[in-house]
Amino acid sequence: MKKRLFILSSILFILHQIVQWGVGVQIPLIDSYLDPLLCMPIILFLYEWELNMLYKKPGLSLVDMLIITTWLAIIFEWVFSYLSDKFIFDPVDFVFYFAGTILYYMAGKMDRN
């Protein structure tokens, strides 16, 4: 199920980028929150894949996922917005980063059942 979530998240992310930047269609709610929601299933899947391929390590624990999400959310929201005016700090994004992580975690639980 994690792989399906990764594929779906990746496809939605790419389609959203094409619609938003390629076609120029703006949908404010989706433009603001879809990317943070999809970000963590993509990153966590790729990180777990890397751990498995390079180090033969099993998947991440929920605590590992929450730590990674916290660090990335801080970097994406606070650090990037501090470094560039092109990035806007939005505390609501934190909710969507963690929602994406919970979706990914739940997909992993479905894989085990």
N, C-alpha and C. Protein backbone atom coordinates (compact mmCIF):
# COMPACT_ATOMS: atom_id res chain seq x y z
N MET A 1 0.82 -1.20 0.00
CA MET A 1 0.00 0.00 0.00
C MET A 1 0.86 1.26 0.00
N LYS A 2 2.04 1.18 0.66
CA LYS A 2 2.94 2.34 0.66
C LYS A 2 3.36 2.70 -0.76
N LYS A 3 3.65 1.67 -1.55
CA LYS A 3 4.08 1.92 -2.93
C LYS A 3 2.96 2.58 -3.73
N ARG A 4 1.73 2.12 -3.53
CA ARG A 4 0.59 2.74 -4.22
C ARG A 4 0.40 4.19 -3.79
N LEU A 5 0.55 4.45 -2.49
CA LEU A 5 0.43 5.82 -1.99
C LEU A 5 1.54 6.69 -2.58
N PHE A 6 2.75 6.15 -2.67
CA PHE A 6 3.87 6.87 -3.27
C PHE A 6 3.57 7.22 -4.74
N ILE A 7 3.10 6.23 -5.49
CA ILE A 7 2.81 6.46 -6.91
C ILE A 7 1.68 7.48 -7.07
N LEU A 8 0.61 7.31 -6.33
CA LEU A 8 -0.51 8.25 -6.39
C LEU A 8 -0.07 9.66 -5.99
N SER A 9 0.69 9.77 -4.90
CA SER A 9 1.17 11.07 -4.45
C SER A 9 2.06 11.73 -5.50
N SER A 10 2.94 10.94 -6.10
CA SER A 10 3.85 11.47 -7.13
C SER A 10 3.08 11.96 -8.35
N ILE A 11 2.12 11.16 -8.80
CA ILE A 11 1.32 11.55 -9.96
C ILE A 11 0.53 12.82 -9.67
N LEU A 12 -0.13 12.87 -8.51
CA LEU A 12 -0.89 14.07 -8.13
C LEU A 12 0.01 15.29 -8.03
N PHE A 13 1.19 15.12 -7.45
CA PHE A 13 2.13 16.23 -7.33
C PHE A 13 2.52 16.76 -8.71
N ILE A 14 2.89 15.87 -9.60
CA ILE A 14 3.30 16.28 -10.95
C ILE A 14 2.14 16.95 -11.69
N LEU A 15 0.96 16.35 -11.62
CA LEU A 15 -0.21 16.94 -12.29
C LEU A 15 -0.52 18.33 -11.72
N HIS A 16 -0.42 18.47 -10.41
CA HIS A 16 -0.68 19.77 -9.81
C HIS A 16 0.33 20.81 -10.28
N GLN A 17 1.59 20.43 -10.38
CA GLN A 17 2.61 21.37 -10.86
C GLN A 17 2.34 21.79 -12.31
N ILE A 18 1.94 20.83 -13.12
CA ILE A 18 1.62 21.13 -14.52
C ILE A 18 0.44 22.09 -14.60
N VAL A 19 -0.62 21.79 -13.84
CA VAL A 19 -1.82 22.65 -13.87
C VAL A 19 -1.50 24.04 -13.32
N GLN A 20 -0.78 24.09 -12.20
CA GLN A 20 -0.51 25.37 -11.56
C GLN A 20 0.47 26.22 -12.35
N TRP A 21 1.60 25.64 -12.75
CA TRP A 21 2.65 26.45 -13.38
C TRP A 21 2.66 26.33 -14.90
N GLY A 22 2.34 25.17 -15.44
CA GLY A 22 2.35 24.99 -16.89
C GLY A 22 1.13 25.60 -17.57
N VAL A 23 -0.03 25.32 -17.01
CA VAL A 23 -1.29 25.80 -17.60
C VAL A 23 -1.68 27.16 -17.01
N GLY A 24 -1.27 27.40 -15.78
CA GLY A 24 -1.57 28.68 -15.14
C GLY A 24 -2.90 28.72 -14.41
N VAL A 25 -3.46 27.55 -14.11
CA VAL A 25 -4.72 27.49 -13.38
C VAL A 25 -4.41 27.54 -11.88
N GLN A 26 -5.00 28.51 -11.21
CA GLN A 26 -4.77 28.68 -9.77
C GLN A 26 -6.03 28.25 -9.00
N ILE A 27 -5.84 27.35 -8.07
CA ILE A 27 -6.90 26.91 -7.16
C ILE A 27 -6.32 27.11 -5.77
N PRO A 28 -6.60 28.25 -5.13
CA PRO A 28 -5.88 28.64 -3.91
C PRO A 28 -5.79 27.58 -2.82
N LEU A 29 -6.86 26.91 -2.47
CA LEU A 29 -6.82 25.92 -1.39
C LEU A 29 -5.89 24.76 -1.75
N ILE A 30 -6.01 24.27 -2.96
CA ILE A 30 -5.16 23.17 -3.41
C ILE A 30 -3.72 23.64 -3.57
N ASP A 31 -3.52 24.83 -4.12
CA ASP A 31 -2.17 25.36 -4.30
C ASP A 31 -1.46 25.54 -2.96
N SER A 32 -2.21 25.83 -1.91
CA SER A 32 -1.61 26.07 -0.60
C SER A 32 -1.28 24.78 0.14
N TYR A 33 -2.12 23.76 0.02
CA TYR A 33 -1.99 22.62 0.94
C TYR A 33 -1.76 21.26 0.32
N LEU A 34 -1.91 21.11 -0.99
CA LEU A 34 -1.72 19.79 -1.58
C LEU A 34 -0.26 19.36 -1.52
N ASP A 35 0.66 20.25 -1.86
CA ASP A 35 2.08 19.87 -1.86
C ASP A 35 2.57 19.43 -0.48
N PRO A 36 2.27 20.15 0.60
CA PRO A 36 2.69 19.65 1.92
C PRO A 36 2.08 18.28 2.27
N LEU A 37 0.85 18.04 1.85
CA LEU A 37 0.21 16.76 2.12
C LEU A 37 0.91 15.62 1.38
N LEU A 38 1.27 15.85 0.12
CA LEU A 38 1.88 14.81 -0.71
C LEU A 38 3.37 14.65 -0.45
N CYS A 39 3.99 15.67 0.08
CA CYS A 39 5.44 15.70 0.29
C CYS A 39 5.94 14.53 1.12
N MET A 40 5.32 14.30 2.27
CA MET A 40 5.86 13.30 3.19
C MET A 40 5.70 11.87 2.68
N PRO A 41 4.58 11.47 2.08
CA PRO A 41 4.54 10.11 1.53
C PRO A 41 5.62 9.88 0.47
N ILE A 42 5.93 10.90 -0.31
CA ILE A 42 6.97 10.76 -1.34
C ILE A 42 8.34 10.65 -0.69
N ILE A 43 8.67 11.57 0.19
CA ILE A 43 10.00 11.58 0.82
C ILE A 43 10.21 10.35 1.70
N LEU A 44 9.22 10.00 2.51
CA LEU A 44 9.38 8.85 3.40
C LEU A 44 9.53 7.54 2.62
N PHE A 45 8.77 7.39 1.53
CA PHE A 45 8.90 6.19 0.72
C PHE A 45 10.31 6.10 0.12
N LEU A 46 10.79 7.21 -0.44
CA LEU A 46 12.12 7.20 -1.04
C LEU A 46 13.21 6.96 -0.01
N TYR A 47 13.05 7.52 1.18
CA TYR A 47 14.03 7.30 2.24
C TYR A 47 14.03 5.84 2.69
N GLU A 48 12.85 5.25 2.87
CA GLU A 48 12.79 3.84 3.23
C GLU A 48 13.37 2.95 2.13
N TRP A 49 13.10 3.30 0.90
CA TRP A 49 13.66 2.55 -0.23
C TRP A 49 15.19 2.60 -0.19
N GLU A 50 15.72 3.81 0.06
CA GLU A 50 17.17 3.97 0.14
C GLU A 50 17.75 3.14 1.30
N LEU A 51 17.13 3.21 2.47
CA LEU A 51 17.60 2.44 3.62
C LEU A 51 17.61 0.94 3.31
N ASN A 52 16.59 0.49 2.62
CA ASN A 52 16.51 -0.93 2.27
C ASN A 52 17.56 -1.31 1.22
N MET A 53 17.69 -0.51 0.19
CA MET A 53 18.62 -0.82 -0.90
C MET A 53 20.08 -0.75 -0.46
N LEU A 54 20.43 0.29 0.28
CA LEU A 54 21.84 0.48 0.63
C LEU A 54 22.25 -0.25 1.91
N TYR A 55 21.35 -0.32 2.87
CA TYR A 55 21.74 -0.84 4.17
C TYR A 55 20.93 -2.05 4.62
N LYS A 56 20.00 -2.50 3.79
CA LYS A 56 19.13 -3.64 4.12
C LYS A 56 18.42 -3.44 5.46
N LYS A 57 18.08 -2.19 5.78
CA LYS A 57 17.37 -1.89 7.02
C LYS A 57 15.86 -1.96 6.77
N PRO A 58 15.12 -2.37 7.81
CA PRO A 58 13.66 -2.40 7.66
C PRO A 58 13.09 -0.98 7.65
N GLY A 59 11.79 -0.88 7.55
CA GLY A 59 11.12 0.42 7.47
C GLY A 59 11.32 1.28 8.70
N LEU A 60 10.87 2.50 8.59
CA LEU A 60 10.96 3.47 9.67
C LEU A 60 9.85 3.25 10.70
N SER A 61 10.15 3.56 11.94
CA SER A 61 9.12 3.53 12.97
C SER A 61 8.31 4.81 12.90
N LEU A 62 7.18 4.84 13.57
CA LEU A 62 6.37 6.06 13.61
C LEU A 62 7.17 7.21 14.23
N VAL A 63 7.94 6.93 15.26
CA VAL A 63 8.75 7.98 15.89
C VAL A 63 9.77 8.54 14.89
N ASP A 64 10.43 7.65 14.14
CA ASP A 64 11.37 8.10 13.10
C ASP A 64 10.67 9.01 12.10
N MET A 65 9.48 8.58 11.65
CA MET A 65 8.73 9.36 10.67
C MET A 65 8.35 10.73 11.23
N LEU A 66 7.94 10.78 12.49
CA LEU A 66 7.54 12.05 13.09
C LEU A 66 8.73 12.99 13.28
N ILE A 67 9.89 12.44 13.61
CA ILE A 67 11.11 13.25 13.73
C ILE A 67 11.50 13.81 12.37
N ILE A 68 11.51 12.98 11.36
CA ILE A 68 11.84 13.43 10.00
C ILE A 68 10.85 14.51 9.54
N THR A 69 9.58 14.29 9.79
CA THR A 69 8.55 15.26 9.39
C THR A 69 8.75 16.58 10.11
N THR A 70 9.05 16.53 11.39
CA THR A 70 9.27 17.76 12.16
C THR A 70 10.44 18.55 11.58
N TRP A 71 11.56 17.88 11.34
CA TRP A 71 12.72 18.57 10.79
C TRP A 71 12.44 19.16 9.41
N LEU A 72 11.83 18.37 8.55
CA LEU A 72 11.55 18.88 7.20
C LEU A 72 10.53 20.02 7.22
N ALA A 73 9.52 19.91 8.05
CA ALA A 73 8.53 20.99 8.14
C ALA A 73 9.19 22.29 8.63
N ILE A 74 10.07 22.17 9.60
CA ILE A 74 10.80 23.36 10.08
C ILE A 74 11.66 23.95 8.97
N ILE A 75 12.38 23.10 8.27
CA ILE A 75 13.22 23.59 7.17
C ILE A 75 12.37 24.22 6.07
N PHE A 76 11.33 23.52 5.64
CA PHE A 76 10.51 24.01 4.54
C PHE A 76 9.75 25.28 4.91
N GLU A 77 9.26 25.35 6.13
CA GLU A 77 8.41 26.50 6.51
C GLU A 77 9.19 27.66 7.11
N TRP A 78 10.07 27.40 8.04
CA TRP A 78 10.78 28.49 8.71
C TRP A 78 12.07 28.89 7.98
N VAL A 79 12.92 27.92 7.72
CA VAL A 79 14.23 28.24 7.13
C VAL A 79 14.07 28.81 5.72
N PHE A 80 13.31 28.13 4.87
CA PHE A 80 13.15 28.62 3.51
C PHE A 80 12.49 30.01 3.47
N SER A 81 11.49 30.23 4.31
CA SER A 81 10.83 31.55 4.30
C SER A 81 11.75 32.63 4.87
N TYR A 82 12.67 32.25 5.72
CA TYR A 82 13.66 33.20 6.24
C TYR A 82 14.69 33.55 5.16
N LEU A 83 15.05 32.58 4.36
CA LEU A 83 16.09 32.77 3.35
C LEU A 83 15.60 33.43 2.07
N SER A 84 14.31 33.31 1.77
CA SER A 84 13.80 33.84 0.51
C SER A 84 12.37 34.34 0.66
N ASP A 85 12.09 35.46 0.02
CA ASP A 85 10.73 36.01 0.01
C ASP A 85 9.79 35.19 -0.88
N LYS A 86 10.34 34.28 -1.67
CA LYS A 86 9.50 33.44 -2.53
C LYS A 86 8.77 32.36 -1.73
N PHE A 87 9.21 32.13 -0.51
CA PHE A 87 8.57 31.16 0.37
C PHE A 87 7.81 31.89 1.45
N ILE A 88 6.61 31.40 1.75
CA ILE A 88 5.75 32.06 2.74
C ILE A 88 5.51 31.10 3.89
N PHE A 89 5.77 31.57 5.11
CA PHE A 89 5.52 30.75 6.30
C PHE A 89 4.01 30.62 6.49
N ASP A 90 3.54 29.39 6.60
CA ASP A 90 2.12 29.12 6.86
C ASP A 90 2.04 28.00 7.89
N PRO A 91 1.69 28.32 9.13
CA PRO A 91 1.65 27.29 10.16
C PRO A 91 0.66 26.16 9.86
N VAL A 92 -0.35 26.41 9.05
CA VAL A 92 -1.31 25.36 8.69
C VAL A 92 -0.62 24.25 7.88
N ASP A 93 0.44 24.61 7.17
CA ASP A 93 1.18 23.59 6.41
C ASP A 93 1.68 22.46 7.30
N PHE A 94 2.03 22.78 8.56
CA PHE A 94 2.50 21.75 9.47
C PHE A 94 1.46 20.64 9.62
N VAL A 95 0.20 21.02 9.69
CA VAL A 95 -0.88 20.04 9.80
C VAL A 95 -0.86 19.09 8.60
N PHE A 96 -0.63 19.64 7.42
CA PHE A 96 -0.66 18.82 6.22
C PHE A 96 0.59 17.96 6.08
N TYR A 97 1.76 18.46 6.51
CA TYR A 97 2.95 17.59 6.54
C TYR A 97 2.69 16.37 7.42
N PHE A 98 2.15 16.62 8.62
CA PHE A 98 1.91 15.51 9.55
C PHE A 98 0.75 14.62 9.07
N ALA A 99 -0.24 15.19 8.41
CA ALA A 99 -1.32 14.37 7.85
C ALA A 99 -0.77 13.42 6.79
N GLY A 100 0.14 13.91 5.96
CA GLY A 100 0.78 13.06 4.96
C GLY A 100 1.58 11.94 5.60
N THR A 101 2.25 12.26 6.70
CA THR A 101 3.01 11.24 7.43
C THR A 101 2.08 10.19 8.02
N ILE A 102 0.98 10.61 8.59
CA ILE A 102 0.03 9.66 9.17
C ILE A 102 -0.57 8.78 8.07
N LEU A 103 -0.89 9.37 6.92
CA LEU A 103 -1.38 8.56 5.79
C LEU A 103 -0.36 7.49 5.41
N TYR A 104 0.91 7.90 5.34
CA TYR A 104 1.97 6.97 4.97
C TYR A 104 2.11 5.87 6.02
N TYR A 105 2.05 6.24 7.28
CA TYR A 105 2.15 5.27 8.37
C TYR A 105 0.98 4.28 8.29
N MET A 106 -0.22 4.78 8.07
CA MET A 106 -1.40 3.91 7.97
C MET A 106 -1.30 2.98 6.76
N ALA A 107 -0.75 3.49 5.67
CA ALA A 107 -0.55 2.63 4.49
C ALA A 107 0.40 1.50 4.83
N GLY A 108 1.42 1.78 5.64
CA GLY A 108 2.35 0.75 6.07
C GLY A 108 1.68 -0.30 6.95
N LYS A 109 0.77 0.14 7.81
CA LYS A 109 0.03 -0.80 8.66
C LYS A 109 -0.85 -1.70 7.78
N MET A 110 -1.40 -1.15 6.70
CA MET A 110 -2.21 -1.96 5.79
C MET A 110 -1.34 -3.00 5.07
N ASP A 111 -0.08 -2.65 4.81
CA ASP A 111 0.84 -3.60 4.18
C ASP A 111 1.08 -4.81 5.07
N ARG A 112 1.11 -4.58 6.38
CA ARG A 112 1.42 -5.66 7.33
C ARG A 112 0.22 -6.56 7.61
N ASN A 113 -0.98 -6.11 7.32
CA ASN A 113 -2.18 -6.92 7.60
C ASN A 113 -2.51 -7.85 6.48
